[in-house]
Amino acid sequence: MLTISQLAATAGVTVRTVRHYHHVGLLPEPGRDASGYRRYSAQAAVDLIRIRTLADAGVPLARIDALLHARPAEFAAAISDIDADLRRRIDELNENRRRIAELAGGERLVLPSEVIAVLDRMRDLGISERRIRLERDSWILMQALDPQIVPERIREKNAGLDDPETTRLFLACDRAVDWEPDDPRLAPLIDDLDAWEIAHERQGDRAGYLKLVSSRTREASPAWQRIVDALAHRAKRRRELVSRSVPR
C-alpha cells in the first residue's frame, strides 16, 4: 500500500495533482486506515499513470474518465476524435502564428500592397521607423475613413518620393523629431514646409482622416507639434485672407 506521496512519485506527478484528480473525480479517494492515513493500492498507481499519460498527450480532463472505462473500439474511436480536434487546434494556431508574423511589420496585415511599397520606398530613403509608423497609421486611418481617395494618394505619394525637394523635407522633418520646440532650426524648416504646402494645397485637406493624422503627429514629438500648429495657423490665415478678398 502506498501513501499519497509515494503514489505521486510513482506516477511522476505532484501530491497537489493527485488531490486535483480526486477533486474532479478522475481518481477515487480511498478511505483512511487506523492511523488516519489514506493508503493507495497498486491499481490506483496504474490508474494514475494512465491519467497522467492521457493528460500529457493533450486529452482534456473532462474526457479522460470515459477513456479509462472505454472498451478497445470505443477507446480507439475517442482517441481518433481527440486527434482530429487537436489537428484543428494546431491549424488554428498555425494560422494565428502566420498572422502574428505578418503583424511583425505592423502594416502588412491591414494595408494594400501598393501602400506597403510606398512605406518600403520611405525606408529605402533612410526615413526612420518612427516616422514610418506614423505614415502607416495615416494610411490605416485613410483607408478606414476615406477609402476612395487611397489610389489617388498612392500616386501622389510616389510622385512626391520621386521629387528631390519633397524627399528632402521628409528627411528634414524626420531629423527634427527630437529637437526642442524652441530650436532655431525649426523656423526655416516651417517656412520650407509652408511653401511646399502652398504649392501642393488641396481642397478639404483639414477634414476627415487628416484631423486624426494631425493629432497623431502632434502627440509624437514636441517639435512636430510646433510644426503642425504653425502650418495649420498659416493655412488658416491664408483662407481668411482669401475670404476677405472675395467680393460680396
Protein backbone atom coordinates (compact mmCIF):
# COMPACT_ATOMS: atom_id res chain seq x y z
CA MET A 1 0.00 0.00 0.00
CA LEU A 2 1.20 3.47 -0.88
CA THR A 3 0.94 6.85 0.80
CA ILE A 4 -0.18 9.77 -1.34
CA SER A 5 3.43 10.96 -1.62
CA GLN A 6 4.59 7.53 -2.76
CA LEU A 7 1.71 7.30 -5.22
CA ALA A 8 2.56 10.71 -6.70
CA ALA A 9 6.25 9.78 -7.02
CA THR A 10 5.35 6.50 -8.74
CA ALA A 11 3.37 8.33 -11.43
CA GLY A 12 5.74 11.28 -11.71
CA VAL A 13 3.23 13.90 -10.57
CA THR A 14 2.84 16.14 -7.53
CA VAL A 15 0.70 15.47 -4.48
CA ARG A 16 -1.30 18.53 -5.46
CA THR A 17 -2.04 16.94 -8.86
CA VAL A 18 -3.25 13.74 -7.17
CA ARG A 19 -5.58 15.78 -4.98
CA HIS A 20 -6.85 17.67 -8.05
CA TYR A 21 -7.66 14.35 -9.75
CA HIS A 22 -9.56 13.36 -6.61
CA HIS A 23 -11.45 16.65 -6.73
CA VAL A 24 -12.55 16.29 -10.37
CA GLY A 25 -13.48 12.64 -9.88
CA LEU A 26 -10.78 11.03 -12.05
CA LEU A 27 -9.10 9.09 -9.25
CA PRO A 28 -11.17 7.62 -6.39
CA GLU A 29 -10.04 8.76 -2.98
CA PRO A 30 -9.52 5.80 -0.62
CA GLY A 31 -10.66 5.75 2.97
CA ARG A 32 -8.25 6.28 5.85
CA ASP A 33 -6.57 3.46 7.75
CA ALA A 34 -6.47 3.07 11.53
CA SER A 35 -3.64 5.58 11.70
CA GLY A 36 -5.70 8.20 9.84
CA TYR A 37 -3.71 7.99 6.58
CA ARG A 38 -5.03 7.27 3.11
CA ARG A 39 -3.43 4.24 1.53
CA TYR A 40 -3.39 3.58 -2.20
CA SER A 41 -3.31 0.26 -3.99
CA ALA A 42 -1.19 -0.76 -6.95
CA GLN A 43 -4.31 -0.36 -9.12
CA ALA A 44 -4.51 3.30 -8.05
CA ALA A 45 -0.91 3.74 -9.21
CA VAL A 46 -1.73 2.16 -12.58
CA ASP A 47 -4.82 4.36 -12.96
CA LEU A 48 -2.85 7.47 -12.05
CA ILE A 49 -0.16 6.65 -14.62
CA ARG A 50 -2.84 6.19 -17.28
CA ILE A 51 -4.47 9.50 -16.32
CA ARG A 52 -1.13 11.33 -16.42
CA THR A 53 -0.25 9.77 -19.79
CA LEU A 54 -3.58 10.83 -21.33
CA ALA A 55 -3.34 14.31 -19.84
CA ASP A 56 0.24 14.74 -21.08
CA ALA A 57 -0.94 13.73 -24.56
CA GLY A 58 -3.35 16.63 -24.57
CA VAL A 59 -6.56 14.76 -23.77
CA PRO A 60 -8.94 17.11 -21.90
CA LEU A 61 -9.50 16.05 -18.29
CA ALA A 62 -13.25 16.02 -18.93
CA ARG A 63 -12.79 13.14 -21.41
CA ILE A 64 -10.25 11.07 -19.52
CA ASP A 65 -12.71 9.31 -17.21
CA ALA A 66 -14.70 7.94 -20.16
CA LEU A 67 -11.50 6.75 -21.83
CA LEU A 68 -10.35 4.95 -18.69
CA HIS A 69 -13.50 2.84 -18.78
CA ALA A 70 -13.91 2.51 -22.55
CA ARG A 71 -13.74 -0.74 -24.50
CA PRO A 72 -10.93 -1.04 -27.07
CA ALA A 73 -13.08 0.01 -30.04
CA GLU A 74 -14.62 2.91 -28.10
CA PHE A 75 -11.18 3.96 -26.90
CA ALA A 76 -9.79 3.96 -30.45
CA ALA A 77 -12.74 5.99 -31.77
CA ALA A 78 -12.47 8.51 -28.93
CA ILE A 79 -8.72 8.89 -29.46
CA SER A 80 -9.36 9.46 -33.18
CA ASP A 81 -11.86 12.22 -32.35
CA ILE A 82 -9.43 13.83 -29.92
CA ASP A 83 -6.65 13.64 -32.52
CA ALA A 84 -8.87 15.36 -35.10
CA ASP A 85 -9.71 18.09 -32.58
CA LEU A 86 -6.00 18.59 -31.83
CA ARG A 87 -5.29 18.86 -35.55
CA ARG A 88 -7.94 21.56 -35.88
CA ARG A 89 -6.40 23.42 -32.95
CA ILE A 90 -2.93 23.09 -34.49
CA ASP A 91 -4.24 24.50 -37.78
CA GLU A 92 -5.80 27.43 -35.90
CA LEU A 93 -2.57 28.07 -34.00
CA ASN A 94 -0.53 27.93 -37.21
CA GLU A 95 -2.89 30.45 -38.80
CA ASN A 96 -2.55 32.66 -35.74
CA ARG A 97 1.25 32.38 -35.98
CA ARG A 98 1.09 33.39 -39.64
CA ARG A 99 -1.00 36.43 -38.80
CA ILE A 100 1.30 37.33 -35.90
CA ALA A 101 4.29 37.08 -38.25
CA GLU A 102 2.56 39.49 -40.63
CA LEU A 103 1.93 41.84 -37.73
CA ALA A 104 5.68 42.00 -37.11
CA GLY A 105 5.79 44.50 -39.96
CA GLY A 106 2.83 46.34 -38.43
CA GLU A 107 1.27 47.40 -41.69
CA ARG A 108 1.16 44.27 -43.83
CA LEU A 109 -1.99 42.83 -42.31
CA VAL A 110 -4.28 45.79 -42.97
CA LEU A 111 -2.88 47.74 -45.90
CA PRO A 112 -2.79 47.01 -49.65
CA SER A 113 0.47 46.03 -51.31
CA GLU A 114 0.71 49.40 -53.09
CA VAL A 115 0.84 51.20 -49.73
CA ILE A 116 3.38 48.69 -48.41
CA ALA A 117 5.54 49.55 -51.42
CA VAL A 118 5.31 53.26 -50.51
CA LEU A 119 6.42 52.55 -46.94
CA ASP A 120 9.29 50.41 -48.21
CA ARG A 121 10.37 53.26 -50.50
CA MET A 122 10.48 55.55 -47.48
CA ARG A 123 12.65 53.03 -45.65
CA ASP A 124 14.99 52.88 -48.63
CA LEU A 125 15.36 56.67 -48.46
CA GLY A 126 16.56 56.37 -44.86
CA ILE A 127 13.42 57.64 -43.15
CA SER A 128 13.20 56.34 -39.59
CA GLU A 129 10.81 53.62 -38.45
CA ARG A 130 9.30 56.11 -36.00
CA ARG A 131 8.22 58.35 -38.86
CA ILE A 132 7.15 55.39 -40.99
CA ARG A 133 4.89 54.16 -38.18
CA LEU A 134 3.11 57.50 -38.28
CA GLU A 135 2.85 57.23 -42.05
CA ARG A 136 1.44 53.72 -41.68
CA ASP A 137 -1.15 54.96 -39.19
CA SER A 138 -2.23 57.73 -41.54
CA TRP A 139 -2.82 55.17 -44.32
CA ILE A 140 -4.79 52.96 -41.94
CA LEU A 141 -6.99 55.92 -40.97
CA MET A 142 -7.38 56.98 -44.59
CA GLN A 143 -8.42 53.50 -45.66
CA ALA A 144 -10.96 53.30 -42.84
CA LEU A 145 -12.46 56.80 -43.16
CA ASP A 146 -11.91 57.91 -46.75
CA PRO A 147 -11.05 54.82 -48.82
CA GLN A 148 -11.99 56.27 -52.21
CA ILE A 149 -9.03 58.65 -52.14
CA VAL A 150 -6.42 55.95 -51.38
CA PRO A 151 -5.45 55.26 -55.05
CA GLU A 152 -5.00 58.99 -55.72
CA ARG A 153 -2.92 59.45 -52.57
CA ILE A 154 -0.72 56.50 -53.55
CA ARG A 155 0.01 58.14 -56.89
CA GLU A 156 0.71 61.47 -55.19
CA LYS A 157 2.94 59.89 -52.57
CA ASN A 158 5.00 58.05 -55.18
CA ALA A 159 5.32 61.26 -57.18
CA GLY A 160 6.49 63.03 -54.04
CA LEU A 161 9.09 60.37 -53.34
CA ASP A 162 10.33 60.89 -56.90
CA ASP A 163 10.73 64.62 -56.18
CA PRO A 164 14.06 65.65 -54.56
CA GLU A 165 12.54 68.63 -52.70
CA THR A 166 9.75 66.52 -51.18
CA THR A 167 12.16 63.82 -50.06
CA ARG A 168 14.48 66.50 -48.62
CA LEU A 169 11.63 67.80 -46.50
CA PHE A 170 10.66 64.28 -45.41
CA LEU A 171 14.20 63.68 -44.20
CA ALA A 172 14.44 67.12 -42.59
CA CYS A 173 11.24 66.53 -40.61
CA ASP A 174 12.49 63.12 -39.62
CA ARG A 175 15.70 64.59 -38.22
CA ALA A 176 13.71 67.20 -36.28
CA VAL A 177 11.77 64.67 -34.24
CA ASP A 178 13.91 65.06 -31.10
CA TRP A 179 14.54 68.80 -31.38
CA GLU A 180 13.25 71.11 -28.68
CA PRO A 181 10.18 73.12 -29.78
CA ASP A 182 12.15 76.36 -29.50
CA ASP A 183 15.06 75.06 -31.59
CA PRO A 184 16.00 77.86 -34.05
CA ARG A 185 16.32 75.32 -36.85
CA LEU A 186 12.55 74.82 -36.82
CA ALA A 187 11.70 78.29 -38.17
CA PRO A 188 13.34 77.84 -41.61
CA LEU A 189 12.01 74.28 -41.78
CA ILE A 190 8.47 75.57 -41.14
CA ASP A 191 8.96 78.16 -43.88
CA ASP A 192 10.07 75.44 -46.32
CA LEU A 193 7.15 73.21 -45.37
CA ASP A 194 4.70 76.07 -45.69
CA ALA A 195 5.99 76.85 -49.18
CA TRP A 196 5.59 73.17 -50.08
CA GLU A 197 2.01 73.11 -48.72
CA ILE A 198 1.12 76.20 -50.75
CA ALA A 199 2.44 74.52 -53.87
CA HIS A 200 0.58 71.29 -53.13
CA GLU A 201 -2.53 72.58 -51.38
CA ARG A 202 -5.70 70.53 -51.95
CA GLN A 203 -9.31 71.15 -51.11
CA GLY A 204 -10.55 69.56 -47.89
CA ASP A 205 -7.11 68.68 -46.55
CA ARG A 206 -8.05 69.67 -43.00
CA ALA A 207 -11.14 67.45 -42.95
CA GLY A 208 -11.79 63.78 -42.31
CA TYR A 209 -8.95 61.44 -41.51
CA LEU A 210 -6.31 64.20 -41.70
CA LYS A 211 -7.56 65.72 -38.46
CA LEU A 212 -6.74 62.42 -36.74
CA VAL A 213 -3.41 62.19 -38.55
CA SER A 214 -2.55 65.72 -37.41
CA SER A 215 -3.41 64.82 -33.83
CA ARG A 216 -1.32 61.65 -34.02
CA THR A 217 1.68 63.60 -35.36
CA ARG A 218 1.42 66.29 -32.69
CA GLU A 219 1.50 63.63 -29.97
CA ALA A 220 4.66 62.07 -31.34
CA SER A 221 7.09 64.96 -30.84
CA PRO A 222 7.04 68.48 -29.33
CA ALA A 223 8.97 69.74 -32.37
CA TRP A 224 6.46 68.18 -34.72
CA GLN A 225 3.67 69.67 -32.62
CA ARG A 226 5.12 73.13 -33.23
CA ILE A 227 5.45 72.40 -36.97
CA VAL A 228 1.87 71.14 -37.31
CA ASP A 229 0.43 74.03 -35.29
CA ALA A 230 2.43 76.64 -37.21
CA LEU A 231 1.40 75.24 -40.58
CA ALA A 232 -2.24 74.99 -39.53
CA HIS A 233 -2.14 78.61 -38.32
CA ARG A 234 -0.63 79.84 -41.59
CA ALA A 235 -3.15 77.87 -43.67
CA LYS A 236 -5.99 79.35 -41.62
CA ARG A 237 -4.67 82.88 -42.16
CA ARG A 238 -4.46 82.30 -45.91
CA ARG A 239 -8.06 81.10 -46.00
CA GLU A 240 -9.18 84.15 -44.04
CA LEU A 241 -7.34 86.49 -46.43
CA VAL A 242 -8.91 84.78 -49.41
CA SER A 243 -12.34 85.03 -47.79
CA ARG A 244 -11.92 88.77 -47.18
CA SER A 245 -10.81 89.37 -50.73
CA VAL A 246 -13.82 87.66 -52.30
CA PRO A 247 -16.43 90.28 -53.38
CA ARG A 248 -19.77 90.04 -51.58
